[in-house]
Amino acid sequence: MTSGELPTPGLAERPARGRRAAGRGVPGGRPPGPADPPARGRRAGGRRAGDSRTREAIGEAARAQFADHGYHGATIRGIAAAAGVDPALVHHYYGTKEALFAAAMRIPVVPSEVLTAALSGREPGGPGFGAHLVRTALTLWESDGIKETLLGLVRSAVTSEQASVMLREFISDSILSTVARLTGLDQKGSPAEAEYRAAMVATQMLGLALTRLVLGLPAVTGASVDELAATVGPSVERYLTGDIELPPRVARPKRPARPRGNA
């Protein structure tokens, strides 16, 4: 760390010599369980499914792999190899890559599952849809077991490029894609428009998280969840379903007018 740099509370930069430091620098430190992963070179599948150390070893390996390679670069197969287990055991204990990431980062919920439960059955663009989305997010962020983890991830993303890439990829794959699917953006417009609109929603939500939970702006922290939902919700609705100015590279080209036939 050079002079004047602040210590990163989340992901630290990769060790200079390239050796993975399992769990170093990610929010919450290493997951509970055994102190060290299996020795390098151990055969995949070497652990028994019933071994009490297996789940913890997978979580520890996942933390290191996500820190080293980001959310996109880390693979179930690579995590399994680092933990010395068969990839099938990773799926057995954690199910999906998203759920494994959430467990490794000590996020007690799977974001796509929460969003699906909260938004299913609601009509995008219907009365109060945006406010409901904002209220759901704020209530979740401020619940026990999530607030401190979220704070660690956001602070890390602000101060560490490595953490920023990891969080950006996770948000894109697990949260924005879910919002696009649940609100029908992926069906109504082009993929580029769906991505752009979902990203605009993210500007509102991440800005809200930063100003309320990290910076602690008095006007934002002093407002209730319902007040913020009522204020920010309409903007979220407009980004999702309203008439917004799209960049030329995103906007769908207009069909040329049909030439009129001769009279």
Protein backbone atom coordinates (compact mmCIF):
# COMPACT_ATOMS: atom_id res chain seq x y z
CA MET A 1 0.00 0.00 0.00
CA THR A 2 1.50 3.32 -1.00
CA SER A 3 1.58 6.34 1.24
CA GLY A 4 -1.78 8.05 1.53
CA GLU A 5 -3.85 5.06 0.47
CA LEU A 6 -6.66 3.97 2.71
CA PRO A 7 -6.96 0.31 3.64
CA THR A 8 -9.67 -1.43 1.65
CA PRO A 9 -12.37 -2.92 3.92
CA GLY A 10 -13.51 -5.24 1.18
CA LEU A 11 -11.49 -6.96 -1.51
CA ALA A 12 -7.80 -6.32 -1.24
CA GLU A 13 -5.65 -6.19 -4.35
CA ARG A 14 -4.31 -9.52 -5.52
CA PRO A 15 -1.09 -10.58 -3.75
CA ALA A 16 1.96 -9.58 -5.79
CA ARG A 17 3.36 -13.07 -6.14
CA GLY A 18 0.13 -14.43 -7.54
CA ARG A 19 -0.62 -16.88 -4.73
CA ARG A 20 -4.33 -16.88 -3.92
CA ALA A 21 -5.10 -15.67 -0.47
CA ALA A 22 -8.35 -17.42 0.33
CA GLY A 23 -10.84 -15.02 1.83
CA ARG A 24 -8.38 -12.12 2.15
CA GLY A 25 -9.90 -8.72 1.74
CA VAL A 26 -13.49 -9.71 1.06
CA PRO A 27 -16.21 -8.45 3.39
CA GLY A 28 -16.39 -10.58 6.50
CA GLY A 29 -13.00 -12.23 6.04
CA ARG A 30 -12.83 -15.98 5.46
CA PRO A 31 -16.02 -17.99 5.91
CA PRO A 32 -16.47 -19.94 9.12
CA GLY A 33 -14.91 -23.36 9.12
CA PRO A 34 -11.46 -24.88 8.66
CA ALA A 35 -8.57 -22.45 8.42
CA ASP A 36 -6.98 -23.70 5.22
CA PRO A 37 -8.22 -25.22 1.95
CA PRO A 38 -6.94 -28.61 0.86
CA ALA A 39 -3.34 -28.79 -0.29
CA ARG A 40 -2.58 -28.04 -3.93
CA GLY A 41 -2.73 -31.08 -6.15
CA ARG A 42 -5.36 -32.99 -4.25
CA ARG A 43 -7.50 -35.01 -6.61
CA ALA A 44 -10.94 -33.70 -7.46
CA GLY A 45 -13.61 -35.67 -5.69
CA GLY A 46 -11.20 -36.50 -2.85
CA ARG A 47 -13.70 -35.38 -0.24
CA ARG A 48 -16.73 -37.36 0.73
CA ALA A 49 -20.16 -35.76 0.32
CA GLY A 50 -20.78 -36.18 4.03
CA ASP A 51 -17.51 -34.61 5.15
CA SER A 52 -18.36 -31.75 7.51
CA ARG A 53 -15.47 -29.71 6.11
CA THR A 54 -16.56 -29.91 2.48
CA ARG A 55 -19.08 -27.07 2.44
CA GLU A 56 -16.68 -24.72 4.24
CA ALA A 57 -13.82 -25.65 1.93
CA ILE A 58 -15.97 -24.88 -1.11
CA GLY A 59 -17.01 -21.52 0.34
CA GLU A 60 -13.41 -20.62 1.09
CA ALA A 61 -12.25 -21.63 -2.38
CA ALA A 62 -15.11 -19.65 -3.93
CA ARG A 63 -14.15 -16.54 -2.00
CA ALA A 64 -10.58 -16.77 -3.32
CA GLN A 65 -11.67 -17.55 -6.89
CA PHE A 66 -14.14 -14.65 -7.03
CA ALA A 67 -11.47 -12.33 -5.60
CA ASP A 68 -8.87 -13.46 -8.13
CA HIS A 69 -11.00 -13.82 -11.25
CA GLY A 70 -14.16 -11.77 -10.74
CA TYR A 71 -17.70 -13.06 -10.96
CA HIS A 72 -17.52 -13.88 -14.67
CA GLY A 73 -14.05 -15.42 -14.56
CA ALA A 74 -14.66 -17.70 -11.60
CA THR A 75 -16.21 -21.02 -12.63
CA ILE A 76 -17.84 -23.86 -10.74
CA ARG A 77 -15.21 -26.21 -12.14
CA GLY A 78 -12.37 -23.94 -11.05
CA ILE A 79 -13.83 -23.50 -7.58
CA ALA A 80 -14.29 -27.24 -7.24
CA ALA A 81 -10.67 -27.86 -8.27
CA ALA A 82 -9.40 -25.30 -5.75
CA ALA A 83 -11.48 -26.97 -3.02
CA GLY A 84 -10.41 -30.47 -4.04
CA VAL A 85 -13.94 -31.69 -4.75
CA ASP A 86 -15.99 -32.82 -7.69
CA PRO A 87 -18.03 -30.01 -9.36
CA ALA A 88 -21.19 -31.98 -8.59
CA LEU A 89 -20.58 -31.35 -4.89
CA VAL A 90 -20.54 -27.60 -5.46
CA HIS A 91 -23.99 -27.84 -7.03
CA HIS A 92 -25.07 -30.21 -4.27
CA TYR A 93 -24.24 -27.76 -1.49
CA TYR A 94 -24.96 -24.41 -3.17
CA GLY A 95 -27.07 -25.01 -6.25
CA THR A 96 -26.20 -22.08 -8.50
CA LYS A 97 -23.20 -19.84 -9.03
CA GLU A 98 -25.25 -16.89 -7.78
CA ALA A 99 -26.13 -18.69 -4.55
CA LEU A 100 -22.48 -19.69 -4.08
CA PHE A 101 -21.35 -16.08 -4.54
CA ALA A 102 -23.95 -14.88 -2.04
CA ALA A 103 -22.77 -17.44 0.50
CA ALA A 104 -19.10 -16.64 -0.10
CA MET A 105 -19.76 -12.91 0.40
CA ARG A 106 -21.99 -13.69 3.39
CA ILE A 107 -25.11 -12.27 1.79
CA PRO A 108 -27.89 -14.20 3.54
CA VAL A 109 -30.26 -14.07 0.56
CA VAL A 110 -30.05 -14.79 -3.16
CA PRO A 111 -30.92 -11.47 -4.87
CA SER A 112 -32.69 -12.92 -7.91
CA GLU A 113 -34.92 -15.03 -5.67
CA VAL A 114 -35.88 -12.02 -3.53
CA LEU A 115 -36.66 -9.92 -6.60
CA THR A 116 -38.70 -12.69 -8.16
CA ALA A 117 -40.76 -13.15 -5.00
CA ALA A 118 -41.30 -9.40 -4.60
CA LEU A 119 -42.19 -8.54 -8.19
CA SER A 120 -44.00 -11.61 -9.45
CA GLY A 121 -47.67 -10.92 -10.07
CA ARG A 122 -47.21 -7.15 -10.28
CA GLU A 123 -47.74 -5.35 -13.55
CA PRO A 124 -44.71 -3.27 -14.63
CA GLY A 125 -45.84 0.30 -15.06
CA GLY A 126 -48.86 -0.32 -12.84
CA PRO A 127 -49.68 1.98 -9.93
CA GLY A 128 -46.92 1.96 -7.34
CA PHE A 129 -44.69 -0.56 -9.12
CA GLY A 130 -41.56 1.58 -8.84
CA ALA A 131 -42.30 2.50 -5.23
CA HIS A 132 -42.75 -1.18 -4.40
CA LEU A 133 -39.38 -2.01 -5.96
CA VAL A 134 -37.64 0.76 -4.02
CA ARG A 135 -39.37 -0.21 -0.77
CA THR A 136 -38.38 -3.85 -1.23
CA ALA A 137 -34.73 -2.93 -1.80
CA LEU A 138 -34.51 -0.52 1.13
CA THR A 139 -36.19 -2.92 3.53
CA LEU A 140 -33.82 -5.67 2.47
CA TRP A 141 -30.69 -3.50 2.67
CA GLU A 142 -31.46 -2.36 6.18
CA SER A 143 -32.34 -5.77 7.59
CA ASP A 144 -30.11 -7.59 10.05
CA GLY A 145 -27.31 -9.54 8.44
CA ILE A 146 -27.39 -7.64 5.17
CA LYS A 147 -26.59 -4.00 5.94
CA GLU A 148 -23.00 -4.56 7.09
CA THR A 149 -22.26 -6.89 4.20
CA LEU A 150 -23.70 -4.41 1.70
CA LEU A 151 -21.67 -1.61 3.25
CA GLY A 152 -18.50 -3.65 2.89
CA LEU A 153 -19.19 -4.49 -0.74
CA VAL A 154 -20.06 -0.90 -1.72
CA ARG A 155 -17.05 0.58 0.09
CA SER A 156 -14.78 -1.99 -1.50
CA ALA A 157 -16.13 -1.25 -4.97
CA VAL A 158 -15.44 2.46 -4.48
CA THR A 159 -11.82 1.95 -3.38
CA SER A 160 -10.70 -1.19 -5.25
CA GLU A 161 -10.83 -1.82 -8.99
CA GLN A 162 -10.74 -5.55 -8.33
CA ALA A 163 -13.78 -5.36 -6.06
CA SER A 164 -15.52 -2.99 -8.47
CA VAL A 165 -15.23 -5.45 -11.36
CA MET A 166 -16.48 -8.34 -9.25
CA LEU A 167 -19.49 -6.44 -7.91
CA ARG A 168 -20.31 -4.94 -11.30
CA GLU A 169 -20.38 -8.34 -12.95
CA PHE A 170 -22.52 -9.80 -10.18
CA ILE A 171 -25.03 -6.94 -10.32
CA SER A 172 -25.25 -7.20 -14.11
CA ASP A 173 -25.71 -10.97 -14.20
CA SER A 174 -27.87 -11.55 -11.14
CA ILE A 175 -29.80 -8.35 -10.48
CA LEU A 176 -30.18 -6.27 -13.64
CA SER A 177 -30.94 -9.30 -15.80
CA THR A 178 -33.58 -10.37 -13.28
CA VAL A 179 -35.17 -6.91 -13.29
CA ALA A 180 -35.22 -6.94 -17.11
CA ARG A 181 -36.87 -10.36 -17.13
CA LEU A 182 -39.47 -9.64 -14.47
CA THR A 183 -40.48 -6.30 -15.99
CA GLY A 184 -40.61 -7.63 -19.53
CA LEU A 185 -37.84 -5.38 -20.80
CA ASP A 186 -36.14 -8.31 -22.47
CA GLN A 187 -39.29 -8.92 -24.53
CA LYS A 188 -40.50 -5.40 -25.35
CA GLY A 189 -37.34 -3.84 -26.73
CA SER A 190 -33.93 -4.70 -28.04
CA PRO A 191 -31.37 -6.30 -25.68
CA ALA A 192 -29.43 -3.03 -25.74
CA GLU A 193 -32.50 -1.03 -24.68
CA ALA A 194 -33.33 -3.51 -21.92
CA GLU A 195 -29.78 -3.29 -20.61
CA TYR A 196 -29.80 0.51 -20.75
CA ARG A 197 -33.11 0.89 -18.94
CA ALA A 198 -32.11 -1.61 -16.23
CA ALA A 199 -28.80 0.22 -15.80
CA MET A 200 -30.66 3.51 -15.32
CA VAL A 201 -32.65 1.85 -12.54
CA ALA A 202 -29.31 0.82 -11.02
CA THR A 203 -28.14 4.45 -10.99
CA GLN A 204 -31.11 5.31 -8.80
CA MET A 205 -30.82 2.33 -6.50
CA LEU A 206 -27.04 2.34 -6.05
CA GLY A 207 -27.08 6.11 -5.60
CA LEU A 208 -29.71 5.65 -2.92
CA ALA A 209 -27.63 2.98 -1.19
CA LEU A 210 -24.49 5.13 -1.32
CA THR A 211 -26.11 8.31 0.00
CA ARG A 212 -28.17 6.59 2.70
CA LEU A 213 -25.88 3.83 3.94
CA VAL A 214 -22.34 5.01 3.15
CA LEU A 215 -22.28 8.80 2.96
CA GLY A 216 -25.17 9.25 5.36
CA LEU A 217 -26.59 12.42 3.78
CA PRO A 218 -28.95 13.79 6.46
CA ALA A 219 -31.86 14.43 4.10
CA VAL A 220 -31.69 10.85 2.89
CA THR A 221 -31.04 9.13 6.21
CA GLY A 222 -33.75 11.23 7.86
CA ALA A 223 -36.42 10.08 5.42
CA SER A 224 -38.44 6.96 6.06
CA VAL A 225 -38.45 3.98 3.72
CA ASP A 226 -41.98 4.85 2.57
CA GLU A 227 -41.02 8.49 1.93
CA LEU A 228 -38.03 7.50 -0.18
CA ALA A 229 -40.09 4.91 -2.05
CA ALA A 230 -42.70 7.56 -2.88
CA THR A 231 -40.01 9.99 -4.08
CA VAL A 232 -37.70 7.68 -6.02
CA GLY A 233 -40.30 5.16 -7.20
CA PRO A 234 -41.72 7.28 -10.07
CA SER A 235 -38.22 7.75 -11.51
CA VAL A 236 -37.66 4.01 -11.40
CA GLU A 237 -40.98 3.44 -13.18
CA ARG A 238 -40.07 5.94 -15.89
CA TYR A 239 -36.75 4.25 -16.52
CA LEU A 240 -38.45 0.87 -16.75
CA THR A 241 -41.50 1.60 -18.87
CA GLY A 242 -41.71 5.33 -19.58
CA ASP A 243 -40.75 7.48 -22.52
CA ILE A 244 -37.04 8.26 -22.11
CA GLU A 245 -34.44 9.61 -24.50
CA LEU A 246 -32.33 6.67 -25.63
CA PRO A 247 -28.80 7.01 -27.02
CA PRO A 248 -28.63 6.42 -30.79
CA ARG A 249 -26.70 3.19 -30.32
CA VAL A 250 -29.52 1.87 -28.10
CA ALA A 251 -32.65 3.23 -29.77
CA ARG A 252 -34.33 0.94 -32.26
CA PRO A 253 -34.07 2.32 -35.81
CA LYS A 254 -37.35 3.58 -37.19
CA ARG A 255 -38.80 1.68 -40.08
CA PRO A 256 -38.72 3.67 -43.31
CA ALA A 257 -42.11 4.88 -44.46
CA ARG A 258 -43.68 2.88 -47.24
CA PRO A 259 -43.73 4.74 -50.54
CA ARG A 260 -47.21 5.70 -51.61
CA GLY A 261 -48.49 4.11 -54.79
CA ASN A 262 -49.22 6.19 -57.85
CA ALA A 263 -52.74 7.60 -57.98
